[in-house]
Amino acid sequence: YIALTAFTKSEFVRSGFAADRISVKPNFLNFDPGAGAGQGGYAVYVGRLSPEKGIDTAISAWRVLSMPLGLKIIGTGPMESELKSRASDDRRIEFLGHRELSEVLCIIGEAAVLIFPSEWFETFGRVAIESYAKGTPVIAAAIGAVAEVVENEVTGYLFSPGDAEGLAKQVNR
């Protein structure tokens, strides 16, 4: 069997799979999208707009964020209307809907940082390596495989899942 992270492997072993039958092979991009300039002056979230992805935490973090940094949100999902309503009074937050991968990578490459606030166990978090490929650091919730993909204070910053103030603090850093 192949697991994308050591965390995922440990979950399989905990569930009864034999450890010696599981290899860890991290996910990857099959092309180099080239580094971005990071000059856009905004943060970006890419993902489904649903509770487990932590997007509500990101919206809440922007409510307490002390800097004028914008937040571009790429994706759609069941919370879209609710989130747009909650963010309607904050001009820094922009919903871009679904975008093609080439455009997503350009937006990530111009971002100051990628926000990855997931509150459930992701198997890998490919958007993080897409961000790294573009030269953009990641601020992520310290949960499961995501905490393994982001090396705190090296490739980005970690915060406690669901902690909007903790996320805002890391964005301010």
N, C-alpha and C. Protein backbone atom coordinates (compact mmCIF):
# COMPACT_ATOMS: atom_id res chain seq x y z
N TYR A 1 0.83 -1.18 0.00
CA TYR A 1 0.00 0.00 0.00
C TYR A 1 0.88 1.25 0.00
N ILE A 2 0.34 2.33 -0.50
CA ILE A 2 1.07 3.59 -0.52
C ILE A 2 0.28 4.62 0.29
N ALA A 3 0.97 5.30 1.18
CA ALA A 3 0.40 6.41 1.95
C ALA A 3 1.14 7.67 1.54
N LEU A 4 0.45 8.79 1.53
CA LEU A 4 1.06 10.04 1.08
C LEU A 4 1.90 10.73 2.15
N THR A 5 1.68 10.40 3.42
CA THR A 5 2.45 10.98 4.52
C THR A 5 2.64 9.94 5.62
N ALA A 6 3.61 10.20 6.50
CA ALA A 6 3.82 9.32 7.65
C ALA A 6 2.59 9.31 8.55
N PHE A 7 1.92 10.48 8.66
CA PHE A 7 0.70 10.55 9.47
C PHE A 7 -0.36 9.59 8.92
N THR A 8 -0.56 9.63 7.62
CA THR A 8 -1.57 8.75 7.00
C THR A 8 -1.20 7.29 7.22
N LYS A 9 0.09 6.98 7.07
CA LYS A 9 0.53 5.61 7.32
C LYS A 9 0.20 5.21 8.75
N SER A 10 0.47 6.08 9.71
CA SER A 10 0.20 5.74 11.12
C SER A 10 -1.29 5.51 11.35
N GLU A 11 -2.14 6.24 10.66
CA GLU A 11 -3.59 6.04 10.78
C GLU A 11 -3.99 4.67 10.22
N PHE A 12 -3.39 4.26 9.11
CA PHE A 12 -3.67 2.94 8.54
C PHE A 12 -3.20 1.84 9.49
N VAL A 13 -2.01 2.02 10.07
CA VAL A 13 -1.48 1.03 11.02
C VAL A 13 -2.38 0.96 12.25
N ARG A 14 -2.82 2.12 12.73
CA ARG A 14 -3.73 2.16 13.89
C ARG A 14 -5.04 1.44 13.58
N SER A 15 -5.42 1.42 12.31
CA SER A 15 -6.67 0.77 11.90
C SER A 15 -6.49 -0.71 11.59
N GLY A 16 -5.27 -1.23 11.74
CA GLY A 16 -5.06 -2.66 11.58
C GLY A 16 -4.23 -3.10 10.39
N PHE A 17 -3.81 -2.18 9.54
CA PHE A 17 -2.94 -2.56 8.42
C PHE A 17 -1.54 -2.85 8.94
N ALA A 18 -0.84 -3.77 8.29
CA ALA A 18 0.52 -4.10 8.66
C ALA A 18 1.47 -2.99 8.21
N ALA A 19 2.25 -2.44 9.14
CA ALA A 19 3.15 -1.32 8.84
C ALA A 19 4.14 -1.66 7.74
N ASP A 20 4.62 -2.90 7.71
CA ASP A 20 5.63 -3.27 6.72
C ASP A 20 5.06 -3.42 5.31
N ARG A 21 3.75 -3.31 5.18
CA ARG A 21 3.12 -3.39 3.85
C ARG A 21 2.73 -2.01 3.32
N ILE A 22 3.11 -0.95 4.06
CA ILE A 22 2.76 0.41 3.65
C ILE A 22 4.04 1.22 3.44
N SER A 23 4.15 1.82 2.27
CA SER A 23 5.26 2.72 1.96
C SER A 23 4.74 4.14 1.91
N VAL A 24 5.58 5.09 2.31
CA VAL A 24 5.22 6.50 2.24
C VAL A 24 5.83 7.09 0.97
N LYS A 25 4.99 7.63 0.12
CA LYS A 25 5.43 8.31 -1.09
C LYS A 25 4.63 9.60 -1.19
N PRO A 26 5.25 10.74 -0.84
CA PRO A 26 4.53 12.01 -0.86
C PRO A 26 3.97 12.35 -2.24
N ASN A 27 2.91 13.11 -2.24
CA ASN A 27 2.31 13.57 -3.48
C ASN A 27 3.27 14.54 -4.17
N PHE A 28 2.99 14.87 -5.41
CA PHE A 28 3.90 15.71 -6.18
C PHE A 28 3.13 16.38 -7.30
N LEU A 29 3.77 17.34 -7.93
CA LEU A 29 3.25 17.94 -9.16
C LEU A 29 4.02 17.31 -10.30
N ASN A 30 3.36 17.03 -11.40
CA ASN A 30 4.06 16.41 -12.53
C ASN A 30 4.61 17.45 -13.50
N PHE A 31 4.62 18.71 -13.07
CA PHE A 31 5.19 19.79 -13.87
C PHE A 31 5.63 20.89 -12.93
N ASP A 32 6.52 21.74 -13.40
CA ASP A 32 6.98 22.87 -12.60
C ASP A 32 6.24 24.11 -13.09
N PRO A 33 5.35 24.68 -12.26
CA PRO A 33 4.60 25.85 -12.71
C PRO A 33 5.41 27.14 -12.70
N GLY A 34 6.64 27.09 -12.16
CA GLY A 34 7.47 28.29 -12.08
C GLY A 34 7.06 29.17 -10.91
N ALA A 35 8.02 29.81 -10.32
CA ALA A 35 7.77 30.66 -9.16
C ALA A 35 6.98 31.91 -9.55
N GLY A 36 6.16 32.36 -8.64
CA GLY A 36 5.44 33.61 -8.81
C GLY A 36 6.22 34.74 -8.15
N ALA A 37 5.77 35.95 -8.36
CA ALA A 37 6.47 37.11 -7.80
C ALA A 37 6.03 37.43 -6.38
N GLY A 38 4.85 36.95 -5.98
CA GLY A 38 4.37 37.20 -4.62
C GLY A 38 4.08 38.66 -4.33
N GLN A 39 3.77 39.43 -5.36
CA GLN A 39 3.60 40.87 -5.21
C GLN A 39 2.13 41.31 -5.16
N GLY A 40 1.20 40.36 -5.04
CA GLY A 40 -0.22 40.69 -5.10
C GLY A 40 -0.79 41.38 -3.86
N GLY A 41 -0.12 41.28 -2.74
CA GLY A 41 -0.60 41.94 -1.53
C GLY A 41 -1.87 41.33 -0.96
N TYR A 42 -2.02 40.02 -1.07
CA TYR A 42 -3.20 39.34 -0.55
C TYR A 42 -2.83 37.93 -0.10
N ALA A 43 -3.71 37.32 0.67
CA ALA A 43 -3.64 35.91 1.02
C ALA A 43 -4.63 35.19 0.13
N VAL A 44 -4.47 33.87 -0.01
CA VAL A 44 -5.40 33.11 -0.84
C VAL A 44 -5.76 31.81 -0.13
N TYR A 45 -7.03 31.43 -0.27
CA TYR A 45 -7.54 30.14 0.17
C TYR A 45 -8.01 29.42 -1.09
N VAL A 46 -7.66 28.15 -1.23
CA VAL A 46 -8.12 27.35 -2.36
C VAL A 46 -8.72 26.07 -1.81
N GLY A 47 -10.01 25.85 -2.08
CA GLY A 47 -10.62 24.61 -1.62
C GLY A 47 -12.13 24.69 -1.59
N ARG A 48 -12.70 23.60 -1.17
CA ARG A 48 -14.16 23.49 -1.05
C ARG A 48 -14.63 24.40 0.09
N LEU A 49 -15.76 25.01 -0.10
CA LEU A 49 -16.33 25.88 0.93
C LEU A 49 -17.29 25.05 1.78
N SER A 50 -16.70 24.30 2.71
CA SER A 50 -17.46 23.40 3.58
C SER A 50 -16.82 23.41 4.97
N PRO A 51 -17.59 23.04 5.99
CA PRO A 51 -17.12 23.18 7.37
C PRO A 51 -15.78 22.52 7.68
N GLU A 52 -15.58 21.30 7.20
CA GLU A 52 -14.35 20.58 7.54
C GLU A 52 -13.09 21.22 6.97
N LYS A 53 -13.24 22.06 5.97
CA LYS A 53 -12.08 22.72 5.35
C LYS A 53 -11.61 23.94 6.13
N GLY A 54 -12.37 24.37 7.15
CA GLY A 54 -11.93 25.46 8.02
C GLY A 54 -12.08 26.85 7.42
N ILE A 55 -12.79 26.98 6.34
CA ILE A 55 -12.94 28.29 5.70
C ILE A 55 -13.66 29.27 6.62
N ASP A 56 -14.54 28.78 7.46
CA ASP A 56 -15.22 29.64 8.43
C ASP A 56 -14.19 30.25 9.40
N THR A 57 -13.20 29.48 9.77
CA THR A 57 -12.12 29.97 10.63
C THR A 57 -11.36 31.10 9.94
N ALA A 58 -11.12 30.94 8.63
CA ALA A 58 -10.42 31.98 7.89
C ALA A 58 -11.22 33.28 7.86
N ILE A 59 -12.52 33.18 7.60
CA ILE A 59 -13.38 34.37 7.59
C ILE A 59 -13.36 35.03 8.96
N SER A 60 -13.45 34.22 10.02
CA SER A 60 -13.41 34.77 11.38
C SER A 60 -12.06 35.41 11.67
N ALA A 61 -10.99 34.84 11.16
CA ALA A 61 -9.66 35.42 11.39
C ALA A 61 -9.56 36.80 10.74
N TRP A 62 -10.15 36.96 9.58
CA TRP A 62 -10.09 38.27 8.91
C TRP A 62 -10.87 39.33 9.68
N ARG A 63 -11.82 38.90 10.49
CA ARG A 63 -12.58 39.85 11.31
C ARG A 63 -11.71 40.45 12.42
N VAL A 64 -10.68 39.72 12.85
CA VAL A 64 -9.81 40.22 13.93
C VAL A 64 -8.41 40.59 13.41
N LEU A 65 -8.16 40.40 12.14
CA LEU A 65 -6.85 40.69 11.56
C LEU A 65 -6.58 42.19 11.63
N SER A 66 -5.39 42.55 12.09
CA SER A 66 -5.07 43.97 12.29
C SER A 66 -4.42 44.61 11.07
N MET A 67 -4.29 43.89 9.98
CA MET A 67 -3.66 44.47 8.79
C MET A 67 -4.65 44.48 7.62
N PRO A 68 -4.39 45.31 6.62
CA PRO A 68 -5.34 45.45 5.52
C PRO A 68 -5.21 44.37 4.43
N LEU A 69 -4.50 43.29 4.70
CA LEU A 69 -4.28 42.24 3.72
C LEU A 69 -5.60 41.66 3.21
N GLY A 70 -5.74 41.57 1.90
CA GLY A 70 -6.93 40.97 1.31
C GLY A 70 -6.89 39.45 1.40
N LEU A 71 -8.04 38.84 1.22
CA LEU A 71 -8.17 37.38 1.17
C LEU A 71 -8.98 37.02 -0.06
N LYS A 72 -8.34 36.32 -1.00
CA LYS A 72 -9.03 35.80 -2.18
C LYS A 72 -9.41 34.36 -1.89
N ILE A 73 -10.68 34.03 -2.10
CA ILE A 73 -11.19 32.70 -1.83
C ILE A 73 -11.55 32.05 -3.15
N ILE A 74 -10.86 30.95 -3.47
CA ILE A 74 -11.11 30.21 -4.70
C ILE A 74 -11.80 28.91 -4.33
N GLY A 75 -12.98 28.68 -4.89
CA GLY A 75 -13.71 27.45 -4.65
C GLY A 75 -15.20 27.71 -4.50
N THR A 76 -15.92 26.63 -4.46
CA THR A 76 -17.36 26.68 -4.26
C THR A 76 -17.72 25.58 -3.25
N GLY A 77 -18.96 25.60 -2.80
CA GLY A 77 -19.38 24.55 -1.88
C GLY A 77 -20.61 24.94 -1.10
N PRO A 78 -21.03 24.05 -0.21
CA PRO A 78 -22.29 24.24 0.49
C PRO A 78 -22.36 25.46 1.41
N MET A 79 -21.23 26.00 1.83
CA MET A 79 -21.24 27.16 2.73
C MET A 79 -21.11 28.49 1.98
N GLU A 80 -21.08 28.44 0.66
CA GLU A 80 -20.78 29.65 -0.11
C GLU A 80 -21.69 30.83 0.22
N SER A 81 -22.98 30.63 0.20
CA SER A 81 -23.91 31.74 0.48
C SER A 81 -23.73 32.28 1.89
N GLU A 82 -23.62 31.38 2.85
CA GLU A 82 -23.43 31.79 4.25
C GLU A 82 -22.14 32.59 4.43
N LEU A 83 -21.06 32.12 3.82
CA LEU A 83 -19.77 32.80 3.95
C LEU A 83 -19.79 34.17 3.28
N LYS A 84 -20.41 34.24 2.11
CA LYS A 84 -20.51 35.53 1.42
C LYS A 84 -21.30 36.53 2.26
N SER A 85 -22.34 36.05 2.91
CA SER A 85 -23.13 36.91 3.78
C SER A 85 -22.30 37.39 4.96
N ARG A 86 -21.58 36.47 5.60
CA ARG A 86 -20.75 36.84 6.76
C ARG A 86 -19.65 37.82 6.40
N ALA A 87 -19.14 37.71 5.17
CA ALA A 87 -18.01 38.54 4.76
C ALA A 87 -18.42 39.78 3.98
N SER A 88 -19.71 39.99 3.80
CA SER A 88 -20.18 41.07 2.94
C SER A 88 -19.75 42.47 3.40
N ASP A 89 -19.48 42.62 4.68
CA ASP A 89 -19.08 43.94 5.18
C ASP A 89 -17.56 44.13 5.23
N ASP A 90 -16.81 43.17 4.71
CA ASP A 90 -15.35 43.25 4.72
C ASP A 90 -14.84 43.29 3.28
N ARG A 91 -14.45 44.46 2.83
CA ARG A 91 -14.02 44.66 1.44
C ARG A 91 -12.72 43.93 1.12
N ARG A 92 -12.02 43.45 2.15
CA ARG A 92 -10.76 42.74 1.92
C ARG A 92 -11.00 41.32 1.40
N ILE A 93 -12.21 40.79 1.62
CA ILE A 93 -12.50 39.40 1.26
C ILE A 93 -13.20 39.34 -0.09
N GLU A 94 -12.63 38.54 -1.00
CA GLU A 94 -13.14 38.44 -2.36
C GLU A 94 -13.35 36.97 -2.72
N PHE A 95 -14.55 36.63 -3.16
CA PHE A 95 -14.87 35.27 -3.57
C PHE A 95 -14.70 35.17 -5.09
N LEU A 96 -13.85 34.25 -5.53
CA LEU A 96 -13.56 34.11 -6.95
C LEU A 96 -14.24 32.92 -7.60
N GLY A 97 -14.89 32.07 -6.79
CA GLY A 97 -15.56 30.89 -7.35
C GLY A 97 -14.57 29.87 -7.87
N HIS A 98 -15.05 29.04 -8.77
CA HIS A 98 -14.20 28.00 -9.38
C HIS A 98 -13.28 28.64 -10.42
N ARG A 99 -12.04 28.21 -10.46
CA ARG A 99 -11.07 28.68 -11.46
C ARG A 99 -10.30 27.47 -11.98
N GLU A 100 -9.83 27.58 -13.20
CA GLU A 100 -9.00 26.52 -13.79
C GLU A 100 -7.64 26.50 -13.09
N LEU A 101 -6.98 25.34 -13.09
CA LEU A 101 -5.72 25.17 -12.38
C LEU A 101 -4.67 26.20 -12.79
N SER A 102 -4.56 26.50 -14.07
CA SER A 102 -3.54 27.47 -14.50
C SER A 102 -3.76 28.83 -13.86
N GLU A 103 -5.02 29.26 -13.75
CA GLU A 103 -5.32 30.54 -13.12
C GLU A 103 -5.11 30.47 -11.61
N VAL A 104 -5.48 29.35 -11.00
CA VAL A 104 -5.26 29.16 -9.56
C VAL A 104 -3.78 29.28 -9.24
N LEU A 105 -2.94 28.64 -10.04
CA LEU A 105 -1.50 28.70 -9.80
C LEU A 105 -0.96 30.12 -9.95
N CYS A 106 -1.48 30.87 -10.90
CA CYS A 106 -1.05 32.28 -11.05
C CYS A 106 -1.45 33.09 -9.83
N ILE A 107 -2.67 32.90 -9.34
CA ILE A 107 -3.15 33.62 -8.16
C ILE A 107 -2.32 33.24 -6.93
N ILE A 108 -2.03 31.95 -6.77
CA ILE A 108 -1.19 31.51 -5.66
C ILE A 108 0.20 32.14 -5.76
N GLY A 109 0.75 32.18 -6.95
CA GLY A 109 2.09 32.73 -7.15
C GLY A 109 2.22 34.20 -6.83
N GLU A 110 1.13 34.94 -6.95
CA GLU A 110 1.15 36.37 -6.63
C GLU A 110 0.79 36.64 -5.18
N ALA A 111 0.26 35.64 -4.47
CA ALA A 111 -0.17 35.81 -3.09
C ALA A 111 1.02 35.95 -2.15
N ALA A 112 0.81 36.67 -1.06
CA ALA A 112 1.81 36.77 0.00
C ALA A 112 1.89 35.46 0.78
N VAL A 113 0.74 34.77 0.88
CA VAL A 113 0.66 33.54 1.66
C VAL A 113 -0.59 32.76 1.25
N LEU A 114 -0.53 31.45 1.37
CA LEU A 114 -1.69 30.58 1.16
C LEU A 114 -2.23 30.18 2.53
N ILE A 115 -3.52 30.28 2.72
CA ILE A 115 -4.17 29.90 3.98
C ILE A 115 -4.76 28.50 3.81
N PHE A 116 -4.41 27.59 4.73
CA PHE A 116 -4.85 26.19 4.66
C PHE A 116 -5.43 25.82 6.04
N PRO A 117 -6.67 26.24 6.33
CA PRO A 117 -7.23 26.11 7.68
C PRO A 117 -7.99 24.81 7.97
N SER A 118 -7.72 23.75 7.24
CA SER A 118 -8.50 22.52 7.37
C SER A 118 -8.64 22.06 8.82
N GLU A 119 -9.81 21.54 9.14
CA GLU A 119 -10.09 21.08 10.51
C GLU A 119 -10.34 19.58 10.57
N TRP A 120 -9.97 18.88 9.51
CA TRP A 120 -10.10 17.42 9.50
C TRP A 120 -8.81 16.85 8.95
N PHE A 121 -8.67 15.54 9.04
CA PHE A 121 -7.46 14.88 8.57
C PHE A 121 -7.44 14.82 7.05
N GLU A 122 -6.64 15.66 6.44
CA GLU A 122 -6.41 15.60 5.00
C GLU A 122 -5.43 14.45 4.75
N THR A 123 -5.51 13.84 3.58
CA THR A 123 -4.54 12.78 3.26
C THR A 123 -3.20 13.34 2.85
N PHE A 124 -3.19 14.57 2.34
CA PHE A 124 -1.92 15.20 1.97
C PHE A 124 -2.02 16.71 1.95
N GLY A 125 -2.89 17.26 1.17
CA GLY A 125 -2.99 18.71 1.03
C GLY A 125 -2.18 19.19 -0.16
N ARG A 126 -2.56 18.77 -1.34
CA ARG A 126 -1.82 19.09 -2.55
C ARG A 126 -1.68 20.60 -2.76
N VAL A 127 -2.67 21.37 -2.34
CA VAL A 127 -2.58 22.82 -2.53
C VAL A 127 -1.35 23.39 -1.84
N ALA A 128 -0.88 22.75 -0.79
CA ALA A 128 0.34 23.22 -0.12
C ALA A 128 1.56 23.07 -1.03
N ILE A 129 1.69 21.94 -1.72
CA ILE A 129 2.86 21.79 -2.59
C ILE A 129 2.72 22.63 -3.86
N GLU A 130 1.49 22.89 -4.28
CA GLU A 130 1.29 23.82 -5.39
C GLU A 130 1.78 25.21 -4.97
N SER A 131 1.48 25.57 -3.72
CA SER A 131 1.92 26.85 -3.19
C SER A 131 3.44 26.91 -3.11
N TYR A 132 4.07 25.86 -2.61
CA TYR A 132 5.53 25.82 -2.53
C TYR A 132 6.16 25.92 -3.92
N ALA A 133 5.55 25.23 -4.89
CA ALA A 133 6.07 25.27 -6.26
C ALA A 133 6.05 26.69 -6.83
N LYS A 134 5.11 27.50 -6.35
CA LYS A 134 5.03 28.89 -6.79
C LYS A 134 5.85 29.82 -5.90
N GLY A 135 6.48 29.28 -4.85
CA GLY A 135 7.31 30.08 -3.96
C GLY A 135 6.52 30.82 -2.90
N THR A 136 5.30 30.36 -2.63
CA THR A 136 4.41 31.03 -1.68
C THR A 136 4.35 30.23 -0.38
N PRO A 137 4.62 30.86 0.76
CA PRO A 137 4.54 30.15 2.04
C PRO A 137 3.10 29.80 2.40
N VAL A 138 2.95 28.88 3.35
CA VAL A 138 1.63 28.36 3.74
C VAL A 138 1.42 28.57 5.23
N ILE A 139 0.24 29.06 5.59
CA ILE A 139 -0.18 29.09 6.99
C ILE A 139 -1.28 28.05 7.11
N ALA A 140 -1.05 27.03 7.93
CA ALA A 140 -1.96 25.89 7.98
C ALA A 140 -2.31 25.50 9.40
N ALA A 141 -3.47 24.86 9.52
CA ALA A 141 -3.88 24.28 10.79
C ALA A 141 -2.97 23.09 11.09
N ALA A 142 -2.53 22.99 12.32
CA ALA A 142 -1.63 21.91 12.74
C ALA A 142 -2.44 20.67 13.06
N ILE A 143 -2.84 19.97 12.00
CA ILE A 143 -3.65 18.78 12.18
C ILE A 143 -3.26 17.74 11.13
N GLY A 144 -3.04 16.53 11.59
CA GLY A 144 -2.78 15.41 10.69
C GLY A 144 -1.65 15.64 9.71
N ALA A 145 -1.88 15.22 8.47
CA ALA A 145 -0.86 15.28 7.43
C ALA A 145 -0.49 16.71 7.07
N VAL A 146 -1.40 17.65 7.24
CA VAL A 146 -1.11 19.05 6.92
C VAL A 146 0.04 19.56 7.77
N ALA A 147 0.04 19.19 9.04
CA ALA A 147 1.12 19.61 9.94
C ALA A 147 2.45 18.99 9.54
N GLU A 148 2.41 17.90 8.82
CA GLU A 148 3.62 17.25 8.33
C GLU A 148 4.13 17.93 7.05
N VAL A 149 3.23 18.43 6.24
CA VAL A 149 3.59 19.06 4.96
C VAL A 149 4.16 20.46 5.19
N VAL A 150 3.68 21.16 6.22
CA VAL A 150 4.15 22.52 6.52
C VAL A 150 5.15 22.45 7.66
N GLU A 151 6.38 22.88 7.40
CA GLU A 151 7.40 22.91 8.44
C GLU A 151 7.34 24.29 9.09
N ASN A 152 6.84 24.33 10.34
CA ASN A 152 6.61 25.59 11.04
C ASN A 152 7.86 26.45 11.07
N GLU A 153 7.69 27.72 10.69
CA GLU A 153 8.73 28.74 10.66
C GLU A 153 9.82 28.46 9.62
N VAL A 154 9.60 27.50 8.72
CA VAL A 154 10.53 27.23 7.63
C VAL A 154 9.79 27.40 6.30
N THR A 155 8.74 26.61 6.09
CA THR A 155 7.96 26.72 4.85
C THR A 155 6.64 27.45 5.08
N GLY A 156 6.41 27.84 6.30
CA GLY A 156 5.18 28.55 6.65
C GLY A 156 4.99 28.56 8.15
N TYR A 157 3.74 28.72 8.56
CA TYR A 157 3.41 28.76 9.98
C TYR A 157 2.21 27.85 10.25
N LEU A 158 2.16 27.32 11.46
CA LEU A 158 1.04 26.48 11.90
C LEU A 158 0.26 27.18 13.00
N PHE A 159 -1.03 26.85 13.09
CA PHE A 159 -1.89 27.35 14.17
C PHE A 159 -2.83 26.22 14.55
N SER A 160 -3.47 26.32 15.70
CA SER A 160 -4.39 25.28 16.16
C SER A 160 -5.65 25.28 15.31
N PRO A 161 -6.13 24.10 14.89
CA PRO A 161 -7.34 24.03 14.07
C PRO A 161 -8.52 24.74 14.74
N GLY A 162 -9.24 25.53 13.96
CA GLY A 162 -10.43 26.22 14.47
C GLY A 162 -10.14 27.49 15.25
N ASP A 163 -8.87 27.84 15.41
CA ASP A 163 -8.47 29.00 16.20
C ASP A 163 -8.29 30.22 15.31
N ALA A 164 -9.35 31.00 15.14
CA ALA A 164 -9.32 32.17 14.26
C ALA A 164 -8.29 33.20 14.73
N GLU A 165 -8.21 33.42 16.04
CA GLU A 165 -7.22 34.38 16.55
C GLU A 165 -5.80 33.89 16.32
N GLY A 166 -5.59 32.58 16.45
CA GLY A 166 -4.27 32.01 16.18
C GLY A 166 -3.89 32.16 14.72
N LEU A 167 -4.86 31.96 13.84
CA LEU A 167 -4.62 32.15 12.40
C LEU A 167 -4.29 33.62 12.13
N ALA A 168 -5.07 34.53 12.68
CA ALA A 168 -4.82 35.97 12.48
C ALA A 168 -3.42 36.35 12.98
N LYS A 169 -3.02 35.77 14.11
CA LYS A 169 -1.68 36.06 14.65
C LYS A 169 -0.60 35.62 13.68
N GLN A 170 -0.77 34.44 13.09
CA GLN A 170 0.23 33.96 12.13
C GLN A 170 0.23 34.79 10.86
N VAL A 171 -0.92 35.23 10.40
CA VAL A 171 -0.99 36.11 9.22
C VAL A 171 -0.27 37.42 9.53
N ASN A 172 -0.50 37.98 10.70
CA ASN A 172 0.17 39.22 11.09
C ASN A 172 1.70 39.05 11.13
N ARG A 173 2.17 37.85 11.47
CA ARG A 173 3.62 37.60 11.50
C ARG A 173 4.19 37.77 10.11
